[in-house]
Amino acid sequence: MQRVALIDYGSGNLRSAEKALVRAADGRHQIVVTHDPEFVAGADRVVLPGVGAFAACMAALQARPGLVEAMTEAVRERGAPFLGVCVGMQLMASRGLEFGVTEGLGWVPGEVRRLEPADPAAKVPHMGWNALVDVSDNPVVADLKDGRAVYFTHSFAIHPDEPADVAAWVDHGGRFPAAVARGNMAGVQFHPEKSQGAGLNLMANFLEWRP
């Protein structure tokens, strides 16, 4: 049975993410909520949730001794599949531009910027159900094509330097990335744990992903 490290660094959506992962795992994977560097470094898969501001979440992650280093060892050095959710996905970027410039993990070159919809009717934060468009063939997101809606709540979005790192888009007064994928790493701006069947499908896809 594979061990999945769900990173605990004070994120607000941790318990709902845990419940959704356990349901998607259906007994085939051990879901462990942890900030223990030794466990994280040896985990088979790593999931980083996140709710709130980029700078605050990055500071909270760095405040756990050895945690960033353990995640880097598991994901970047051993190649363990990784999933970032909402701000957890944004932290994959080189930097965030919320309340100044904050360095991110740098796993997906690019930056996180505030949404600036061209349509004044499109409110910020972007909150509620919205359909993905131009979904890639990456196995984590591939079955979310054909206009399946997922649940968003955010004011900032990631903008990768490399267009190939975008795995899906969404339109809210203008298009921006809704999912990224790079090697053994994937991230989604929406909340799978709030996206009902589509979200459970995505989590199940991640748990079986063999990048």
N, C-alpha and C. Protein backbone atom coordinates (compact mmCIF):
# COMPACT_ATOMS: atom_id res chain seq x y z
N MET A 1 0.85 -1.20 0.00
CA MET A 1 0.00 0.00 0.00
C MET A 1 0.88 1.24 0.00
N GLN A 2 0.63 2.14 -0.94
CA GLN A 2 1.43 3.36 -1.02
C GLN A 2 1.05 4.34 0.08
N ARG A 3 2.06 5.07 0.53
CA ARG A 3 1.86 6.08 1.58
C ARG A 3 1.81 7.46 0.94
N VAL A 4 0.72 8.17 1.21
CA VAL A 4 0.50 9.50 0.65
C VAL A 4 0.63 10.52 1.77
N ALA A 5 1.60 11.43 1.66
CA ALA A 5 1.79 12.48 2.66
C ALA A 5 0.94 13.68 2.30
N LEU A 6 -0.06 13.98 3.12
CA LEU A 6 -0.87 15.19 2.99
C LEU A 6 -0.26 16.21 3.94
N ILE A 7 0.36 17.23 3.38
CA ILE A 7 1.20 18.13 4.17
C ILE A 7 0.36 19.01 5.10
N ASP A 8 0.71 18.96 6.38
CA ASP A 8 0.04 19.75 7.42
C ASP A 8 0.95 20.93 7.79
N TYR A 9 0.56 22.13 7.37
CA TYR A 9 1.31 23.32 7.76
C TYR A 9 0.36 24.44 8.19
N GLY A 10 -0.81 24.03 8.70
CA GLY A 10 -1.79 24.99 9.18
C GLY A 10 -2.78 25.44 8.14
N SER A 11 -2.88 24.74 7.01
CA SER A 11 -3.81 25.12 5.94
C SER A 11 -5.25 24.89 6.37
N GLY A 12 -6.12 25.81 5.98
CA GLY A 12 -7.50 25.76 6.43
C GLY A 12 -8.34 24.64 5.87
N ASN A 13 -7.95 24.09 4.70
CA ASN A 13 -8.80 23.07 4.08
C ASN A 13 -8.24 21.67 4.27
N LEU A 14 -7.40 21.49 5.27
CA LEU A 14 -6.70 20.21 5.43
C LEU A 14 -7.65 19.05 5.66
N ARG A 15 -8.62 19.20 6.54
CA ARG A 15 -9.48 18.07 6.90
C ARG A 15 -10.40 17.68 5.75
N SER A 16 -10.93 18.67 5.02
CA SER A 16 -11.78 18.33 3.89
C SER A 16 -10.96 17.66 2.79
N ALA A 17 -9.73 18.11 2.61
CA ALA A 17 -8.85 17.46 1.64
C ALA A 17 -8.55 16.02 2.05
N GLU A 18 -8.33 15.82 3.35
CA GLU A 18 -8.07 14.46 3.84
C GLU A 18 -9.26 13.54 3.58
N LYS A 19 -10.45 14.02 3.88
CA LYS A 19 -11.65 13.19 3.67
C LYS A 19 -11.82 12.82 2.21
N ALA A 20 -11.60 13.78 1.32
CA ALA A 20 -11.75 13.51 -0.10
C ALA A 20 -10.70 12.52 -0.60
N LEU A 21 -9.46 12.67 -0.13
CA LEU A 21 -8.41 11.74 -0.53
C LEU A 21 -8.68 10.33 -0.03
N VAL A 22 -9.13 10.22 1.21
CA VAL A 22 -9.45 8.89 1.76
C VAL A 22 -10.56 8.24 0.94
N ARG A 23 -11.55 9.02 0.57
CA ARG A 23 -12.64 8.47 -0.24
C ARG A 23 -12.14 8.05 -1.61
N ALA A 24 -11.30 8.88 -2.23
CA ALA A 24 -10.77 8.55 -3.55
C ALA A 24 -9.83 7.35 -3.48
N ALA A 25 -9.10 7.21 -2.37
CA ALA A 25 -8.15 6.10 -2.23
C ALA A 25 -8.85 4.76 -2.13
N ASP A 26 -10.05 4.75 -1.53
CA ASP A 26 -10.86 3.53 -1.44
C ASP A 26 -10.07 2.36 -0.86
N GLY A 27 -9.26 2.65 0.16
CA GLY A 27 -8.50 1.61 0.84
C GLY A 27 -7.24 1.15 0.15
N ARG A 28 -6.94 1.71 -1.03
CA ARG A 28 -5.76 1.26 -1.79
C ARG A 28 -4.50 2.04 -1.44
N HIS A 29 -4.66 3.17 -0.74
CA HIS A 29 -3.53 4.01 -0.36
C HIS A 29 -3.72 4.45 1.09
N GLN A 30 -2.61 4.64 1.79
CA GLN A 30 -2.64 5.14 3.15
C GLN A 30 -2.46 6.65 3.11
N ILE A 31 -3.47 7.39 3.53
CA ILE A 31 -3.42 8.85 3.55
C ILE A 31 -2.97 9.29 4.95
N VAL A 32 -1.85 9.99 5.03
CA VAL A 32 -1.28 10.39 6.32
C VAL A 32 -1.13 11.91 6.36
N VAL A 33 -1.82 12.56 7.28
CA VAL A 33 -1.66 13.99 7.50
C VAL A 33 -0.41 14.19 8.35
N THR A 34 0.57 14.94 7.83
CA THR A 34 1.86 14.98 8.51
C THR A 34 2.66 16.21 8.15
N HIS A 35 3.55 16.61 9.06
CA HIS A 35 4.61 17.56 8.74
C HIS A 35 5.95 17.00 9.20
N ASP A 36 6.01 15.67 9.37
CA ASP A 36 7.24 15.00 9.78
C ASP A 36 8.17 14.86 8.58
N PRO A 37 9.33 15.51 8.60
CA PRO A 37 10.21 15.48 7.44
C PRO A 37 10.63 14.08 7.03
N GLU A 38 10.87 13.21 7.99
CA GLU A 38 11.31 11.85 7.65
C GLU A 38 10.23 11.11 6.88
N PHE A 39 8.98 11.23 7.33
CA PHE A 39 7.89 10.56 6.63
C PHE A 39 7.71 11.16 5.23
N VAL A 40 7.72 12.49 5.15
CA VAL A 40 7.50 13.15 3.87
C VAL A 40 8.60 12.76 2.87
N ALA A 41 9.84 12.75 3.32
CA ALA A 41 10.95 12.43 2.42
C ALA A 41 10.83 11.03 1.83
N GLY A 42 10.19 10.12 2.56
CA GLY A 42 10.07 8.74 2.09
C GLY A 42 8.71 8.39 1.53
N ALA A 43 7.80 9.38 1.44
CA ALA A 43 6.43 9.10 0.99
C ALA A 43 6.41 8.72 -0.48
N ASP A 44 5.41 7.93 -0.85
CA ASP A 44 5.24 7.53 -2.24
C ASP A 44 4.60 8.63 -3.07
N ARG A 45 3.76 9.46 -2.43
CA ARG A 45 3.10 10.58 -3.09
C ARG A 45 2.98 11.72 -2.08
N VAL A 46 2.91 12.95 -2.59
CA VAL A 46 2.83 14.12 -1.72
C VAL A 46 1.72 15.03 -2.23
N VAL A 47 0.87 15.49 -1.31
CA VAL A 47 -0.20 16.43 -1.63
C VAL A 47 -0.05 17.66 -0.75
N LEU A 48 -0.03 18.84 -1.38
CA LEU A 48 0.12 20.10 -0.65
C LEU A 48 -1.16 20.92 -0.83
N PRO A 49 -2.00 21.02 0.21
CA PRO A 49 -3.20 21.85 0.12
C PRO A 49 -2.85 23.31 0.40
N GLY A 50 -3.84 24.18 0.40
CA GLY A 50 -3.56 25.58 0.72
C GLY A 50 -4.78 26.46 0.61
N VAL A 51 -4.95 27.34 1.59
CA VAL A 51 -6.01 28.36 1.58
C VAL A 51 -5.41 29.62 2.18
N GLY A 52 -5.63 30.76 1.53
CA GLY A 52 -5.15 32.02 2.08
C GLY A 52 -4.20 32.73 1.15
N ALA A 53 -3.34 33.56 1.72
CA ALA A 53 -2.41 34.38 0.94
C ALA A 53 -1.12 33.62 0.68
N PHE A 54 -0.55 33.86 -0.50
CA PHE A 54 0.69 33.19 -0.92
C PHE A 54 1.79 33.37 0.13
N ALA A 55 2.04 34.61 0.53
CA ALA A 55 3.15 34.90 1.45
C ALA A 55 2.96 34.20 2.79
N ALA A 56 1.73 34.23 3.31
CA ALA A 56 1.46 33.59 4.60
C ALA A 56 1.62 32.09 4.52
N CYS A 57 1.15 31.49 3.43
CA CYS A 57 1.27 30.04 3.28
C CYS A 57 2.72 29.62 3.10
N MET A 58 3.49 30.39 2.33
CA MET A 58 4.90 30.05 2.15
C MET A 58 5.65 30.17 3.47
N ALA A 59 5.34 31.21 4.25
CA ALA A 59 5.98 31.38 5.54
C ALA A 59 5.63 30.23 6.49
N ALA A 60 4.37 29.80 6.46
CA ALA A 60 3.95 28.70 7.32
C ALA A 60 4.64 27.39 6.94
N LEU A 61 4.82 27.19 5.64
CA LEU A 61 5.50 25.98 5.16
C LEU A 61 6.96 25.99 5.60
N GLN A 62 7.61 27.14 5.47
CA GLN A 62 9.02 27.26 5.85
C GLN A 62 9.21 27.20 7.36
N ALA A 63 8.17 27.51 8.13
CA ALA A 63 8.27 27.49 9.58
C ALA A 63 8.32 26.08 10.16
N ARG A 64 7.96 25.07 9.35
CA ARG A 64 8.05 23.68 9.80
C ARG A 64 9.47 23.19 9.50
N PRO A 65 10.29 22.96 10.51
CA PRO A 65 11.69 22.63 10.27
C PRO A 65 11.87 21.40 9.36
N GLY A 66 12.65 21.59 8.31
CA GLY A 66 13.00 20.48 7.42
C GLY A 66 11.94 20.07 6.45
N LEU A 67 10.76 20.72 6.47
CA LEU A 67 9.66 20.24 5.66
C LEU A 67 9.87 20.53 4.17
N VAL A 68 10.28 21.74 3.83
CA VAL A 68 10.51 22.05 2.42
C VAL A 68 11.61 21.16 1.85
N GLU A 69 12.66 20.94 2.63
CA GLU A 69 13.74 20.08 2.19
C GLU A 69 13.26 18.64 1.97
N ALA A 70 12.38 18.15 2.87
CA ALA A 70 11.85 16.80 2.73
C ALA A 70 10.97 16.67 1.50
N MET A 71 10.13 17.68 1.25
CA MET A 71 9.30 17.68 0.06
C MET A 71 10.17 17.68 -1.20
N THR A 72 11.23 18.48 -1.17
CA THR A 72 12.13 18.55 -2.32
C THR A 72 12.80 17.21 -2.56
N GLU A 73 13.22 16.55 -1.49
CA GLU A 73 13.84 15.23 -1.63
C GLU A 73 12.88 14.23 -2.25
N ALA A 74 11.63 14.21 -1.76
CA ALA A 74 10.65 13.25 -2.26
C ALA A 74 10.26 13.53 -3.70
N VAL A 75 9.96 14.80 -3.99
CA VAL A 75 9.37 15.15 -5.28
C VAL A 75 10.42 15.39 -6.35
N ARG A 76 11.42 16.20 -6.05
CA ARG A 76 12.40 16.60 -7.06
C ARG A 76 13.53 15.60 -7.21
N GLU A 77 13.92 14.95 -6.11
CA GLU A 77 15.05 14.03 -6.17
C GLU A 77 14.62 12.59 -6.43
N ARG A 78 13.56 12.12 -5.74
CA ARG A 78 13.10 10.74 -5.95
C ARG A 78 12.04 10.62 -7.02
N GLY A 79 11.36 11.72 -7.37
CA GLY A 79 10.34 11.67 -8.40
C GLY A 79 8.98 11.21 -7.92
N ALA A 80 8.68 11.36 -6.62
CA ALA A 80 7.36 10.99 -6.12
C ALA A 80 6.31 11.91 -6.74
N PRO A 81 5.19 11.38 -7.20
CA PRO A 81 4.13 12.23 -7.75
C PRO A 81 3.65 13.25 -6.72
N PHE A 82 3.41 14.47 -7.20
CA PHE A 82 3.04 15.59 -6.33
C PHE A 82 1.78 16.25 -6.87
N LEU A 83 0.88 16.64 -5.94
CA LEU A 83 -0.31 17.40 -6.30
C LEU A 83 -0.42 18.61 -5.39
N GLY A 84 -0.45 19.81 -6.00
CA GLY A 84 -0.71 21.03 -5.25
C GLY A 84 -2.14 21.49 -5.48
N VAL A 85 -2.81 21.92 -4.42
CA VAL A 85 -4.21 22.32 -4.50
C VAL A 85 -4.37 23.78 -4.07
N CYS A 86 -4.98 24.59 -4.94
CA CYS A 86 -5.25 26.01 -4.69
C CYS A 86 -3.93 26.73 -4.37
N VAL A 87 -3.77 27.30 -3.19
CA VAL A 87 -2.51 27.96 -2.88
C VAL A 87 -1.35 26.97 -2.87
N GLY A 88 -1.63 25.72 -2.55
CA GLY A 88 -0.60 24.68 -2.64
C GLY A 88 -0.07 24.55 -4.05
N MET A 89 -0.91 24.76 -5.06
CA MET A 89 -0.45 24.79 -6.44
C MET A 89 0.32 26.08 -6.72
N GLN A 90 -0.17 27.21 -6.22
CA GLN A 90 0.51 28.48 -6.46
C GLN A 90 1.93 28.48 -5.90
N LEU A 91 2.14 27.81 -4.78
CA LEU A 91 3.46 27.77 -4.16
C LEU A 91 4.49 27.06 -5.02
N MET A 92 4.04 26.32 -6.03
CA MET A 92 4.97 25.67 -6.96
C MET A 92 5.70 26.70 -7.81
N ALA A 93 5.18 27.91 -7.93
CA ALA A 93 5.73 28.92 -8.81
C ALA A 93 7.03 29.50 -8.27
N SER A 94 7.71 30.27 -9.12
CA SER A 94 8.96 30.92 -8.71
C SER A 94 8.70 32.00 -7.67
N ARG A 95 7.57 32.71 -7.84
CA ARG A 95 7.29 33.83 -6.93
C ARG A 95 5.80 34.16 -6.93
N GLY A 96 5.38 34.79 -5.85
CA GLY A 96 4.02 35.31 -5.76
C GLY A 96 4.06 36.80 -5.58
N LEU A 97 3.08 37.51 -6.18
CA LEU A 97 3.07 38.97 -6.15
C LEU A 97 1.96 39.51 -5.27
N GLU A 98 1.63 38.79 -4.23
CA GLU A 98 0.59 39.22 -3.29
C GLU A 98 1.25 39.84 -2.07
N PHE A 99 0.92 41.12 -1.78
CA PHE A 99 1.56 41.83 -0.67
C PHE A 99 3.07 41.88 -0.87
N GLY A 100 3.51 42.31 -2.04
CA GLY A 100 4.94 42.33 -2.35
C GLY A 100 5.35 41.06 -3.08
N VAL A 101 6.65 40.86 -3.21
CA VAL A 101 7.18 39.69 -3.91
C VAL A 101 7.65 38.66 -2.88
N THR A 102 7.13 37.44 -3.01
CA THR A 102 7.51 36.33 -2.13
C THR A 102 8.02 35.19 -2.99
N GLU A 103 9.19 34.67 -2.67
CA GLU A 103 9.73 33.54 -3.41
C GLU A 103 8.93 32.28 -3.11
N GLY A 104 8.63 31.52 -4.17
CA GLY A 104 7.93 30.24 -4.00
C GLY A 104 8.91 29.08 -4.04
N LEU A 105 8.39 27.89 -4.26
CA LEU A 105 9.23 26.70 -4.32
C LEU A 105 10.09 26.68 -5.59
N GLY A 106 9.62 27.34 -6.66
CA GLY A 106 10.38 27.37 -7.90
C GLY A 106 10.33 26.09 -8.70
N TRP A 107 9.32 25.27 -8.47
CA TRP A 107 9.21 24.00 -9.19
C TRP A 107 8.59 24.16 -10.57
N VAL A 108 7.76 25.18 -10.74
CA VAL A 108 7.19 25.54 -12.04
C VAL A 108 7.57 26.99 -12.30
N PRO A 109 8.54 27.25 -13.17
CA PRO A 109 8.96 28.64 -13.40
C PRO A 109 7.78 29.51 -13.81
N GLY A 110 7.63 30.63 -13.14
CA GLY A 110 6.51 31.53 -13.41
C GLY A 110 6.14 32.29 -12.15
N GLU A 111 5.06 33.06 -12.22
CA GLU A 111 4.65 33.86 -11.08
C GLU A 111 3.14 33.82 -10.88
N VAL A 112 2.74 34.18 -9.68
CA VAL A 112 1.33 34.20 -9.29
C VAL A 112 0.90 35.65 -9.19
N ARG A 113 -0.11 36.02 -10.01
CA ARG A 113 -0.56 37.41 -10.09
C ARG A 113 -2.05 37.51 -9.80
N ARG A 114 -2.48 38.68 -9.36
CA ARG A 114 -3.89 38.93 -9.09
C ARG A 114 -4.71 38.86 -10.38
N LEU A 115 -5.90 38.32 -10.27
CA LEU A 115 -6.81 38.27 -11.41
C LEU A 115 -7.21 39.69 -11.81
N GLU A 116 -7.21 39.95 -13.11
CA GLU A 116 -7.64 41.25 -13.64
C GLU A 116 -8.58 41.00 -14.82
N PRO A 117 -9.83 40.62 -14.54
CA PRO A 117 -10.77 40.31 -15.63
C PRO A 117 -11.00 41.49 -16.56
N ALA A 118 -11.04 41.21 -17.85
CA ALA A 118 -11.34 42.26 -18.83
C ALA A 118 -12.81 42.65 -18.77
N ASP A 119 -13.66 41.72 -18.35
CA ASP A 119 -15.09 41.96 -18.24
C ASP A 119 -15.41 42.47 -16.83
N PRO A 120 -15.91 43.70 -16.67
CA PRO A 120 -16.19 44.24 -15.34
C PRO A 120 -17.26 43.46 -14.58
N ALA A 121 -18.04 42.65 -15.30
CA ALA A 121 -19.06 41.84 -14.64
C ALA A 121 -18.45 40.63 -13.93
N ALA A 122 -17.21 40.30 -14.26
CA ALA A 122 -16.52 39.17 -13.64
C ALA A 122 -15.88 39.62 -12.34
N LYS A 123 -16.43 39.23 -11.23
CA LYS A 123 -15.98 39.71 -9.93
C LYS A 123 -14.74 38.95 -9.45
N VAL A 124 -13.96 39.63 -8.62
CA VAL A 124 -12.83 39.04 -7.93
C VAL A 124 -13.09 39.18 -6.43
N PRO A 125 -13.02 38.09 -5.65
CA PRO A 125 -12.51 36.77 -6.04
C PRO A 125 -13.41 36.01 -7.02
N HIS A 126 -12.77 35.14 -7.78
CA HIS A 126 -13.46 34.19 -8.65
C HIS A 126 -13.97 33.07 -7.76
N MET A 127 -15.27 33.02 -7.57
CA MET A 127 -15.84 32.10 -6.59
C MET A 127 -17.04 31.38 -7.18
N GLY A 128 -17.01 30.06 -7.10
CA GLY A 128 -18.13 29.26 -7.57
C GLY A 128 -17.72 28.26 -8.62
N TRP A 129 -18.73 27.69 -9.29
CA TRP A 129 -18.50 26.63 -10.28
C TRP A 129 -18.16 27.24 -11.64
N ASN A 130 -17.20 26.63 -12.30
CA ASN A 130 -16.81 27.08 -13.63
C ASN A 130 -16.24 25.88 -14.39
N ALA A 131 -16.43 25.88 -15.69
CA ALA A 131 -16.00 24.75 -16.52
C ALA A 131 -14.58 24.95 -17.01
N LEU A 132 -13.80 23.88 -17.01
CA LEU A 132 -12.46 23.91 -17.57
C LEU A 132 -12.52 23.90 -19.09
N VAL A 133 -11.52 24.50 -19.72
CA VAL A 133 -11.43 24.50 -21.18
C VAL A 133 -10.00 24.13 -21.59
N ASP A 134 -9.89 23.61 -22.81
CA ASP A 134 -8.57 23.23 -23.36
C ASP A 134 -7.80 22.36 -22.36
N VAL A 135 -8.46 21.32 -21.88
CA VAL A 135 -7.83 20.41 -20.92
C VAL A 135 -6.85 19.51 -21.67
N SER A 136 -5.66 19.34 -21.11
CA SER A 136 -4.62 18.54 -21.76
C SER A 136 -4.90 17.05 -21.59
N ASP A 137 -4.03 16.24 -22.18
CA ASP A 137 -4.15 14.79 -22.05
C ASP A 137 -3.40 14.25 -20.85
N ASN A 138 -2.90 15.12 -19.97
CA ASN A 138 -2.25 14.63 -18.76
C ASN A 138 -3.22 13.75 -17.98
N PRO A 139 -2.80 12.57 -17.53
CA PRO A 139 -3.73 11.63 -16.89
C PRO A 139 -4.43 12.16 -15.65
N VAL A 140 -3.86 13.15 -14.98
CA VAL A 140 -4.49 13.67 -13.77
C VAL A 140 -5.76 14.44 -14.10
N VAL A 141 -5.76 15.15 -15.23
CA VAL A 141 -6.90 16.02 -15.56
C VAL A 141 -7.66 15.61 -16.81
N ALA A 142 -7.17 14.61 -17.53
CA ALA A 142 -7.70 14.32 -18.87
C ALA A 142 -9.20 14.06 -18.90
N ASP A 143 -9.75 13.42 -17.85
CA ASP A 143 -11.19 13.11 -17.91
C ASP A 143 -12.06 14.25 -17.38
N LEU A 144 -11.46 15.45 -17.22
CA LEU A 144 -12.25 16.62 -16.85
C LEU A 144 -12.54 17.48 -18.08
N LYS A 145 -12.42 16.89 -19.25
CA LYS A 145 -12.73 17.62 -20.48
C LYS A 145 -14.24 17.73 -20.67
N ASP A 146 -14.62 18.31 -21.81
CA ASP A 146 -16.03 18.39 -22.20
C ASP A 146 -16.86 19.23 -21.25
N GLY A 147 -16.28 20.29 -20.73
CA GLY A 147 -17.06 21.26 -19.96
C GLY A 147 -17.45 20.86 -18.56
N ARG A 148 -16.75 19.88 -17.96
CA ARG A 148 -17.08 19.53 -16.58
C ARG A 148 -16.71 20.68 -15.65
N ALA A 149 -17.62 21.05 -14.77
CA ALA A 149 -17.42 22.19 -13.89
C ALA A 149 -16.76 21.76 -12.58
N VAL A 150 -15.92 22.64 -12.05
CA VAL A 150 -15.26 22.43 -10.77
C VAL A 150 -15.40 23.71 -9.95
N TYR A 151 -15.04 23.64 -8.67
CA TYR A 151 -15.32 24.74 -7.75
C TYR A 151 -14.06 25.57 -7.47
N PHE A 152 -14.17 26.88 -7.70
CA PHE A 152 -13.06 27.81 -7.48
C PHE A 152 -13.38 28.79 -6.36
N THR A 153 -12.35 29.24 -5.67
CA THR A 153 -12.46 30.39 -4.78
C THR A 153 -11.05 30.97 -4.60
N HIS A 154 -10.76 32.04 -5.35
CA HIS A 154 -9.40 32.61 -5.34
C HIS A 154 -9.41 33.98 -6.01
N SER A 155 -8.35 34.74 -5.73
CA SER A 155 -8.16 36.06 -6.33
C SER A 155 -6.87 36.16 -7.13
N PHE A 156 -6.02 35.13 -7.03
CA PHE A 156 -4.75 35.12 -7.73
C PHE A 156 -4.65 33.83 -8.56
N ALA A 157 -3.80 33.87 -9.59
CA ALA A 157 -3.62 32.70 -10.45
C ALA A 157 -2.17 32.58 -10.86
N ILE A 158 -1.74 31.36 -11.11
CA ILE A 158 -0.38 31.10 -11.57
C ILE A 158 -0.27 31.36 -13.07
N HIS A 159 0.89 31.86 -13.48
CA HIS A 159 1.17 32.10 -14.90
C HIS A 159 2.55 31.52 -15.21
N PRO A 160 2.60 30.26 -15.64
CA PRO A 160 3.89 29.63 -15.93
C PRO A 160 4.62 30.32 -17.08
N ASP A 161 5.95 30.32 -17.01
CA ASP A 161 6.76 30.85 -18.10
C ASP A 161 6.62 30.01 -19.36
N GLU A 162 6.48 28.70 -19.18
CA GLU A 162 6.38 27.77 -20.31
C GLU A 162 4.92 27.40 -20.56
N PRO A 163 4.36 27.73 -21.73
CA PRO A 163 2.97 27.39 -22.03
C PRO A 163 2.68 25.90 -21.89
N ALA A 164 3.69 25.05 -22.14
CA ALA A 164 3.48 23.61 -22.05
C ALA A 164 3.18 23.14 -20.63
N ASP A 165 3.48 23.97 -19.62
CA ASP A 165 3.20 23.60 -18.23
C ASP A 165 1.74 23.79 -17.85
N VAL A 166 0.94 24.43 -18.70
CA VAL A 166 -0.49 24.61 -18.42
C VAL A 166 -1.24 23.37 -18.86
N ALA A 167 -1.97 22.75 -17.92
CA ALA A 167 -2.70 21.51 -18.20
C ALA A 167 -4.19 21.74 -18.42
N ALA A 168 -4.70 22.91 -18.06
CA ALA A 168 -6.10 23.25 -18.28
C ALA A 168 -6.27 24.74 -18.04
N TRP A 169 -7.29 25.31 -18.68
CA TRP A 169 -7.59 26.73 -18.55
C TRP A 169 -9.01 26.91 -18.04
N VAL A 170 -9.31 28.13 -17.59
CA VAL A 170 -10.67 28.49 -17.22
C VAL A 170 -10.88 29.94 -17.65
N ASP A 171 -12.12 30.30 -17.91
CA ASP A 171 -12.43 31.65 -18.36
C ASP A 171 -13.31 32.35 -17.32
N HIS A 172 -12.82 33.48 -16.82
CA HIS A 172 -13.59 34.32 -15.90
C HIS A 172 -13.25 35.76 -16.24
N GLY A 173 -13.92 36.28 -17.26
CA GLY A 173 -13.58 37.59 -17.76
C GLY A 173 -12.25 37.61 -18.47
N GLY A 174 -11.81 36.47 -18.96
CA GLY A 174 -10.50 36.27 -19.57
C GLY A 174 -9.93 34.95 -19.11
N ARG A 175 -9.12 34.33 -19.96
CA ARG A 175 -8.59 33.00 -19.62
C ARG A 175 -7.35 33.09 -18.74
N PHE A 176 -7.23 32.11 -17.84
CA PHE A 176 -6.02 31.95 -17.05
C PHE A 176 -5.88 30.47 -16.70
N PRO A 177 -4.68 30.02 -16.31
CA PRO A 177 -4.46 28.60 -16.04
C PRO A 177 -5.26 28.11 -14.83
N ALA A 178 -5.91 26.97 -15.01
CA ALA A 178 -6.64 26.33 -13.91
C ALA A 178 -5.90 25.11 -13.39
N ALA A 179 -4.93 24.60 -14.16
CA ALA A 179 -4.15 23.44 -13.75
C ALA A 179 -2.81 23.49 -14.44
N VAL A 180 -1.79 22.97 -13.75
CA VAL A 180 -0.46 22.88 -14.33
C VAL A 180 0.04 21.45 -14.18
N ALA A 181 0.98 21.07 -15.03
CA ALA A 181 1.61 19.76 -14.93
C ALA A 181 3.01 19.87 -15.52
N ARG A 182 3.97 19.37 -14.77
CA ARG A 182 5.37 19.41 -15.20
C ARG A 182 6.08 18.18 -14.64
N GLY A 183 6.41 17.23 -15.50
CA GLY A 183 7.04 16.00 -15.04
C GLY A 183 6.15 15.23 -14.09
N ASN A 184 6.64 14.98 -12.88
CA ASN A 184 5.89 14.23 -11.88
C ASN A 184 5.05 15.13 -10.98
N MET A 185 4.91 16.41 -11.37
CA MET A 185 4.20 17.37 -10.54
C MET A 185 2.96 17.89 -11.25
N ALA A 186 1.87 18.00 -10.50
CA ALA A 186 0.63 18.58 -11.02
C ALA A 186 0.05 19.51 -9.96
N GLY A 187 -0.74 20.47 -10.42
CA GLY A 187 -1.38 21.38 -9.49
C GLY A 187 -2.68 21.89 -10.07
N VAL A 188 -3.66 22.16 -9.21
CA VAL A 188 -4.96 22.66 -9.66
C VAL A 188 -5.34 23.87 -8.82
N GLN A 189 -5.88 24.89 -9.49
CA GLN A 189 -6.32 26.09 -8.79
C GLN A 189 -7.64 25.87 -8.08
N PHE A 190 -8.48 25.01 -8.63
CA PHE A 190 -9.78 24.74 -8.03
C PHE A 190 -9.64 23.76 -6.86
N HIS A 191 -10.73 23.55 -6.16
CA HIS A 191 -10.74 22.68 -4.98
C HIS A 191 -11.39 21.34 -5.33
N PRO A 192 -10.59 20.28 -5.51
CA PRO A 192 -11.19 18.95 -5.79
C PRO A 192 -12.13 18.50 -4.68
N GLU A 193 -11.78 18.84 -3.43
CA GLU A 193 -12.59 18.38 -2.29
C GLU A 193 -13.96 19.04 -2.24
N LYS A 194 -14.15 20.12 -3.03
CA LYS A 194 -15.45 20.80 -3.10
C LYS A 194 -16.12 20.60 -4.45
N SER A 195 -15.49 19.81 -5.32
CA SER A 195 -15.96 19.68 -6.71
C SER A 195 -16.71 18.39 -6.99
N GLN A 196 -17.22 17.76 -5.94
CA GLN A 196 -18.08 16.58 -6.06
C GLN A 196 -17.42 15.50 -6.93
N GLY A 197 -18.17 14.92 -7.86
CA GLY A 197 -17.66 13.79 -8.63
C GLY A 197 -16.43 14.11 -9.44
N ALA A 198 -16.39 15.30 -10.04
CA ALA A 198 -15.23 15.68 -10.84
C ALA A 198 -13.98 15.75 -9.97
N GLY A 199 -14.12 16.28 -8.76
CA GLY A 199 -12.97 16.39 -7.87
C GLY A 199 -12.48 15.03 -7.39
N LEU A 200 -13.41 14.14 -7.07
CA LEU A 200 -13.01 12.80 -6.66
C LEU A 200 -12.33 12.06 -7.80
N ASN A 201 -12.81 12.26 -9.03
CA ASN A 201 -12.16 11.65 -10.18
C ASN A 201 -10.71 12.11 -10.29
N LEU A 202 -10.51 13.43 -10.12
CA LEU A 202 -9.16 13.97 -10.23
C LEU A 202 -8.25 13.37 -9.15
N MET A 203 -8.73 13.30 -7.93
CA MET A 203 -7.90 12.74 -6.86
C MET A 203 -7.60 11.27 -7.11
N ALA A 204 -8.58 10.53 -7.59
CA ALA A 204 -8.35 9.12 -7.91
C ALA A 204 -7.33 8.98 -9.04
N ASN A 205 -7.43 9.87 -10.02
CA ASN A 205 -6.45 9.87 -11.12
C ASN A 205 -5.06 10.12 -10.59
N PHE A 206 -4.92 11.10 -9.68
CA PHE A 206 -3.60 11.40 -9.13
C PHE A 206 -3.05 10.19 -8.37
N LEU A 207 -3.89 9.54 -7.59
CA LEU A 207 -3.42 8.42 -6.78
C LEU A 207 -2.96 7.24 -7.63
N GLU A 208 -3.42 7.15 -8.86
CA GLU A 208 -3.00 6.05 -9.74
C GLU A 208 -1.99 6.52 -10.80
N TRP A 209 -1.63 7.77 -10.79
CA TRP A 209 -0.74 8.36 -11.79
C TRP A 209 0.65 7.76 -11.70
N ARG A 210 1.21 7.40 -12.84
CA ARG A 210 2.55 6.87 -12.92
C ARG A 210 3.38 7.72 -13.89
N PRO A 211 3.79 8.91 -13.48
CA PRO A 211 4.50 9.80 -14.41
C PRO A 211 5.91 9.28 -14.74
